[in-house]
Amino acid sequence: MKLYEGMFLVDHNKARQEFDKIREEITGLVEKAGGEMVNLEPWTERKLCYEIKRHRRGAFIMGHFNSPPDGIAKIERGCRLSEIVLRTLIVRDEDGTAIPHYSERGEFDERRDSAPGRKRFERRTAPAVTPAAAPVVTPAAAPVAVPSEAPEVEKGEVKADAEPEPPAKPPAESSVPQES
């Protein structure tokens, strides 16, 4: 059996009033699939971006459980059929069973997240790239020889690695008949 982390989205009113019933429902789904629940705790309550099953707010419940790999499909199917669970996300957990605390400002609180080796979540912004800092790339830039490094070549001699000179432009014809 492997350790998994599950995020369950439930109705926020039911989570406040009947958390024990929700805990029993989710634990029953995991045990029916052949797994065992390690922990299950309420995580945060948020306004949803869009309505899910006629709910505008939801409570996120995070839990860890051990389950055989083929039991995950049974758990997800049971969550889809459940009237309590609105959405679920189950991933393989490799960093322990600690549940990070989600602060009201929308950031993770490092003081409450004590799992060794757990990566901290941070909001990062990409550094601004100014046009002066961006490298200038030309399509076919030929290497430029410095005069002190340029080999001396006598007139008429062609060097194997030298580029051929472009052909000279023909002289403009001035004896074009003009119509009168």
C-alpha atoms as a PDB file:
ATOM      1  CA  MET A   1       0.000   0.000   0.000  1.00  0.00           C
ATOM      2  CA  LYS A   2       1.170   3.504  -0.829  1.00  0.00           C
ATOM      3  CA  LEU A   3       0.610   6.839   0.889  1.00  0.00           C
ATOM      4  CA  TYR A   4      -1.764   9.244  -0.889  1.00  0.00           C
ATOM      5  CA  GLU A   5      -2.900  12.779  -0.175  1.00  0.00           C
ATOM      6  CA  GLY A   6      -6.506  13.696  -0.875  1.00  0.00           C
ATOM      7  CA  MET A   7      -8.174  17.082  -1.111  1.00  0.00           C
ATOM      8  CA  PHE A   8     -11.935  16.920  -0.763  1.00  0.00           C
ATOM      9  CA  LEU A   9     -14.230  19.859  -1.485  1.00  0.00           C
ATOM     10  CA  VAL A  10     -17.487  19.776   0.473  1.00  0.00           C
ATOM     11  CA  ASP A  11     -20.386  22.137   1.191  1.00  0.00           C
ATOM     12  CA  HIS A  12     -19.174  24.707   3.722  1.00  0.00           C
ATOM     13  CA  ASN A  13     -22.415  24.621   5.768  1.00  0.00           C
ATOM     14  CA  LYS A  14     -22.236  20.862   6.206  1.00  0.00           C
ATOM     15  CA  ALA A  15     -18.544  21.079   7.081  1.00  0.00           C
ATOM     16  CA  ARG A  16     -19.317  23.511   9.908  1.00  0.00           C
ATOM     17  CA  GLN A  17     -22.312  21.653  11.291  1.00  0.00           C
ATOM     18  CA  GLU A  18     -21.629  17.984  10.563  1.00  0.00           C
ATOM     19  CA  PHE A  19     -17.862  17.477  10.225  1.00  0.00           C
ATOM     20  CA  ASP A  20     -18.054  14.107  11.989  1.00  0.00           C
ATOM     21  CA  LYS A  21     -20.531  12.847   9.387  1.00  0.00           C
ATOM     22  CA  ILE A  22     -18.230  14.051   6.571  1.00  0.00           C
ATOM     23  CA  ARG A  23     -15.252  12.371   8.242  1.00  0.00           C
ATOM     24  CA  GLU A  24     -17.198   9.095   8.459  1.00  0.00           C
ATOM     25  CA  GLU A  25     -18.269   9.371   4.798  1.00  0.00           C
ATOM     26  CA  ILE A  26     -14.734   9.955   3.465  1.00  0.00           C
ATOM     27  CA  THR A  27     -13.206   7.347   5.788  1.00  0.00           C
ATOM     28  CA  GLY A  28     -15.867   4.852   4.657  1.00  0.00           C
ATOM     29  CA  LEU A  29     -15.026   5.512   0.989  1.00  0.00           C
ATOM     30  CA  VAL A  30     -11.319   4.902   1.642  1.00  0.00           C
ATOM     31  CA  GLU A  31     -11.897   1.749   3.709  1.00  0.00           C
ATOM     32  CA  LYS A  32     -14.377   0.345   1.158  1.00  0.00           C
ATOM     33  CA  ALA A  33     -11.606   0.615  -1.478  1.00  0.00           C
ATOM     34  CA  GLY A  34      -9.211  -1.371   0.734  1.00  0.00           C
ATOM     35  CA  GLY A  35      -7.304   1.550   2.270  1.00  0.00           C
ATOM     36  CA  GLU A  36      -6.844   2.993   5.714  1.00  0.00           C
ATOM     37  CA  MET A  37      -7.175   6.642   6.761  1.00  0.00           C
ATOM     38  CA  VAL A  38      -4.105   8.233   8.398  1.00  0.00           C
ATOM     39  CA  ASN A  39      -5.493  11.702   9.082  1.00  0.00           C
ATOM     40  CA  LEU A  40      -8.296  13.980   7.883  1.00  0.00           C
ATOM     41  CA  GLU A  41      -8.586  17.634   8.854  1.00  0.00           C
ATOM     42  CA  PRO A  42     -10.464  20.709   7.651  1.00  0.00           C
ATOM     43  CA  TRP A  43      -8.074  22.916   5.709  1.00  0.00           C
ATOM     44  CA  THR A  44      -9.783  26.134   4.634  1.00  0.00           C
ATOM     45  CA  GLU A  45     -13.093  27.575   3.493  1.00  0.00           C
ATOM     46  CA  ARG A  46     -13.247  29.645   0.308  1.00  0.00           C
ATOM     47  CA  LYS A  47     -15.585  31.265  -2.165  1.00  0.00           C
ATOM     48  CA  LEU A  48     -15.503  29.160  -5.326  1.00  0.00           C
ATOM     49  CA  CYS A  49     -14.570  30.623  -8.708  1.00  0.00           C
ATOM     50  CA  TYR A  50     -17.683  29.116 -10.251  1.00  0.00           C
ATOM     51  CA  GLU A  51     -20.736  27.250  -9.024  1.00  0.00           C
ATOM     52  CA  ILE A  52     -20.278  23.534  -8.377  1.00  0.00           C
ATOM     53  CA  LYS A  53     -23.491  21.573  -7.858  1.00  0.00           C
ATOM     54  CA  ARG A  54     -25.304  24.834  -6.966  1.00  0.00           C
ATOM     55  CA  HIS A  55     -22.747  25.792  -4.285  1.00  0.00           C
ATOM     56  CA  ARG A  56     -20.850  29.087  -4.304  1.00  0.00           C
ATOM     57  CA  ARG A  57     -18.705  28.412  -1.220  1.00  0.00           C
ATOM     58  CA  GLY A  58     -16.820  25.311  -0.271  1.00  0.00           C
ATOM     59  CA  ALA A  59     -14.756  23.841   2.535  1.00  0.00           C
ATOM     60  CA  PHE A  60     -11.533  22.069   1.632  1.00  0.00           C
ATOM     61  CA  ILE A  61     -10.696  18.994   3.691  1.00  0.00           C
ATOM     62  CA  MET A  62      -7.224  17.488   3.377  1.00  0.00           C
ATOM     63  CA  GLY A  63      -6.325  13.992   4.383  1.00  0.00           C
ATOM     64  CA  HIS A  64      -3.691  11.295   4.031  1.00  0.00           C
ATOM     65  CA  PHE A  65      -4.440   7.612   3.564  1.00  0.00           C
ATOM     66  CA  ASN A  66      -2.741   4.362   2.623  1.00  0.00           C
ATOM     67  CA  SER A  67      -4.304   2.509  -0.273  1.00  0.00           C
ATOM     68  CA  PRO A  68      -3.422   0.013  -2.972  1.00  0.00           C
ATOM     69  CA  PRO A  69      -2.985   1.731  -6.370  1.00  0.00           C
ATOM     70  CA  ASP A  70      -6.078   0.078  -7.851  1.00  0.00           C
ATOM     71  CA  GLY A  71      -8.186   1.396  -4.958  1.00  0.00           C
ATOM     72  CA  ILE A  72      -7.775   5.037  -6.060  1.00  0.00           C
ATOM     73  CA  ALA A  73     -10.243   4.651  -8.922  1.00  0.00           C
ATOM     74  CA  LYS A  74     -12.798   3.214  -6.479  1.00  0.00           C
ATOM     75  CA  ILE A  75     -12.307   6.132  -4.081  1.00  0.00           C
ATOM     76  CA  GLU A  76     -12.678   8.715  -6.872  1.00  0.00           C
ATOM     77  CA  ARG A  77     -15.820   6.997  -8.173  1.00  0.00           C
ATOM     78  CA  GLY A  78     -17.285   6.896  -4.673  1.00  0.00           C
ATOM     79  CA  CYS A  79     -16.563  10.620  -4.250  1.00  0.00           C
ATOM     80  CA  ARG A  80     -18.280  11.426  -7.565  1.00  0.00           C
ATOM     81  CA  LEU A  81     -21.379   9.489  -6.471  1.00  0.00           C
ATOM     82  CA  SER A  82     -21.393  11.009  -2.980  1.00  0.00           C
ATOM     83  CA  GLU A  83     -23.828  13.815  -2.215  1.00  0.00           C
ATOM     84  CA  ILE A  84     -21.463  15.297   0.364  1.00  0.00           C
ATOM     85  CA  VAL A  85     -18.225  15.537  -1.665  1.00  0.00           C
ATOM     86  CA  LEU A  86     -18.377  18.120  -4.465  1.00  0.00           C
ATOM     87  CA  ARG A  87     -14.901  17.561  -5.948  1.00  0.00           C
ATOM     88  CA  THR A  88     -11.842  15.512  -5.108  1.00  0.00           C
ATOM     89  CA  LEU A  89      -8.152  15.462  -5.976  1.00  0.00           C
ATOM     90  CA  ILE A  90      -5.939  12.526  -5.012  1.00  0.00           C
ATOM     91  CA  VAL A  91      -2.166  12.502  -5.568  1.00  0.00           C
ATOM     92  CA  ARG A  92       0.672  10.250  -4.488  1.00  0.00           C
ATOM     93  CA  ASP A  93       2.295  11.732  -1.385  1.00  0.00           C
ATOM     94  CA  GLU A  94       6.049  11.588  -1.045  1.00  0.00           C
ATOM     95  CA  ASP A  95       6.757  14.216   1.601  1.00  0.00           C
ATOM     96  CA  GLY A  96       4.950  12.988   4.707  1.00  0.00           C
ATOM     97  CA  THR A  97       1.629  13.356   6.408  1.00  0.00           C
ATOM     98  CA  ALA A  98       1.850  16.937   7.708  1.00  0.00           C
ATOM     99  CA  ILE A  99      -0.965  19.215   6.615  1.00  0.00           C
ATOM    100  CA  PRO A 100       0.139  22.792   5.908  1.00  0.00           C
ATOM    101  CA  HIS A 101      -1.901  25.602   7.417  1.00  0.00           C
ATOM    102  CA  TYR A 102      -3.475  27.977   4.919  1.00  0.00           C
ATOM    103  CA  SER A 103      -3.612  31.540   6.279  1.00  0.00           C
ATOM    104  CA  GLU A 104      -6.406  33.995   5.581  1.00  0.00           C
ATOM    105  CA  ARG A 105      -4.082  36.114   3.404  1.00  0.00           C
ATOM    106  CA  GLY A 106      -3.808  33.300   0.889  1.00  0.00           C
ATOM    107  CA  GLU A 107      -0.286  32.223   1.847  1.00  0.00           C
ATOM    108  CA  PHE A 108       1.002  29.139   3.581  1.00  0.00           C
ATOM    109  CA  ASP A 109       2.110  29.629   7.161  1.00  0.00           C
ATOM    110  CA  GLU A 110       5.565  28.084   7.603  1.00  0.00           C
ATOM    111  CA  ARG A 111       5.346  27.974  11.400  1.00  0.00           C
ATOM    112  CA  ARG A 112       2.543  25.390  11.364  1.00  0.00           C
ATOM    113  CA  ASP A 113       4.042  23.260   8.590  1.00  0.00           C
ATOM    114  CA  SER A 114       6.582  21.145  10.424  1.00  0.00           C
ATOM    115  CA  ALA A 115       7.124  18.194   8.082  1.00  0.00           C
ATOM    116  CA  PRO A 116      10.835  17.681   7.408  1.00  0.00           C
ATOM    117  CA  GLY A 117      11.698  18.152   3.771  1.00  0.00           C
ATOM    118  CA  ARG A 118       8.323  19.621   2.810  1.00  0.00           C
ATOM    119  CA  LYS A 119       8.669  22.294   0.186  1.00  0.00           C
ATOM    120  CA  ARG A 120       7.389  25.685   1.211  1.00  0.00           C
ATOM    121  CA  PHE A 121       4.881  27.382  -1.014  1.00  0.00           C
ATOM    122  CA  GLU A 122       5.698  30.948  -1.929  1.00  0.00           C
ATOM    123  CA  ARG A 123       4.253  33.476  -4.249  1.00  0.00           C
ATOM    124  CA  ARG A 124       6.927  34.392  -6.727  1.00  0.00           C
ATOM    125  CA  THR A 125       6.891  37.029  -9.376  1.00  0.00           C
ATOM    126  CA  ALA A 126       8.872  36.761 -12.549  1.00  0.00           C
ATOM    127  CA  PRO A 127      11.672  39.312 -12.822  1.00  0.00           C
ATOM    128  CA  ALA A 128      10.925  42.088 -15.247  1.00  0.00           C
ATOM    129  CA  VAL A 129      12.977  41.963 -18.426  1.00  0.00           C
ATOM    130  CA  THR A 130      13.916  45.354 -19.782  1.00  0.00           C
ATOM    131  CA  PRO A 131      14.717  45.841 -23.458  1.00  0.00           C
ATOM    132  CA  ALA A 132      18.279  46.923 -22.575  1.00  0.00           C
ATOM    133  CA  ALA A 133      18.893  43.702 -20.644  1.00  0.00           C
ATOM    134  CA  ALA A 134      17.581  41.451 -23.403  1.00  0.00           C
ATOM    135  CA  PRO A 135      20.296  40.019 -25.648  1.00  0.00           C
ATOM    136  CA  VAL A 136      20.315  41.201 -29.247  1.00  0.00           C
ATOM    137  CA  VAL A 137      20.282  38.327 -31.681  1.00  0.00           C
ATOM    138  CA  THR A 138      20.915  38.871 -35.378  1.00  0.00           C
ATOM    139  CA  PRO A 139      19.877  36.205 -37.881  1.00  0.00           C
ATOM    140  CA  ALA A 140      23.205  35.440 -39.548  1.00  0.00           C
ATOM    141  CA  ALA A 141      25.884  37.326 -37.722  1.00  0.00           C
ATOM    142  CA  ALA A 142      29.254  36.730 -39.349  1.00  0.00           C
ATOM    143  CA  PRO A 143      32.315  36.856 -37.131  1.00  0.00           C
ATOM    144  CA  VAL A 144      34.131  40.131 -37.434  1.00  0.00           C
ATOM    145  CA  ALA A 145      37.908  39.977 -37.727  1.00  0.00           C
ATOM    146  CA  VAL A 146      39.920  42.436 -35.713  1.00  0.00           C
ATOM    147  CA  PRO A 147      42.531  44.192 -37.906  1.00  0.00           C
ATOM    148  CA  SER A 148      45.416  43.016 -35.733  1.00  0.00           C
ATOM    149  CA  GLU A 149      44.266  39.388 -36.066  1.00  0.00           C
ATOM    150  CA  ALA A 150      43.387  39.466 -39.787  1.00  0.00           C
ATOM    151  CA  PRO A 151      45.808  37.427 -41.924  1.00  0.00           C
ATOM    152  CA  GLU A 152      47.573  39.308 -44.626  1.00  0.00           C
ATOM    153  CA  VAL A 153      46.550  38.175 -48.083  1.00  0.00           C
ATOM    154  CA  GLU A 154      48.174  39.385 -51.256  1.00  0.00           C
ATOM    155  CA  LYS A 155      46.019  40.773 -54.021  1.00  0.00           C
ATOM    156  CA  GLY A 156      44.560  38.031 -56.206  1.00  0.00           C
ATOM    157  CA  GLU A 157      45.215  35.283 -53.661  1.00  0.00           C
ATOM    158  CA  VAL A 158      42.108  33.498 -52.372  1.00  0.00           C
ATOM    159  CA  LYS A 159      42.138  31.925 -48.977  1.00  0.00           C
ATOM    160  CA  ALA A 160      40.117  28.701 -48.505  1.00  0.00           C
ATOM    161  CA  ASP A 161      38.147  29.875 -45.464  1.00  0.00           C
ATOM    162  CA  ALA A 162      37.660  33.465 -46.667  1.00  0.00           C
ATOM    163  CA  GLU A 163      34.238  34.584 -47.825  1.00  0.00           C
ATOM    164  CA  PRO A 164      33.915  35.466 -51.519  1.00  0.00           C
ATOM    165  CA  GLU A 165      33.508  39.134 -52.330  1.00  0.00           C
ATOM    166  CA  PRO A 166      30.109  40.187 -53.641  1.00  0.00           C
ATOM    167  CA  PRO A 167      30.021  40.869 -57.374  1.00  0.00           C
ATOM    168  CA  ALA A 168      30.449  44.500 -58.388  1.00  0.00           C
ATOM    169  CA  LYS A 169      27.394  46.369 -59.616  1.00  0.00           C
ATOM    170  CA  PRO A 170      27.300  46.943 -63.380  1.00  0.00           C
ATOM    171  CA  PRO A 171      27.738  50.595 -64.389  1.00  0.00           C
ATOM    172  CA  ALA A 172      24.549  52.515 -65.035  1.00  0.00           C
ATOM    173  CA  GLU A 173      23.816  52.888 -68.712  1.00  0.00           C
ATOM    174  CA  SER A 174      23.491  56.491 -69.706  1.00  0.00           C
ATOM    175  CA  SER A 175      22.965  55.885 -73.414  1.00  0.00           C
ATOM    176  CA  VAL A 176      19.349  54.946 -73.145  1.00  0.00           C
ATOM    177  CA  PRO A 177      17.320  56.382 -76.017  1.00  0.00           C
ATOM    178  CA  GLN A 178      14.765  58.862 -74.821  1.00  0.00           C
ATOM    179  CA  GLU A 179      11.429  59.288 -76.490  1.00  0.00           C
ATOM    180  CA  SER A 180      10.393  62.690 -77.667  1.00  0.00           C
END
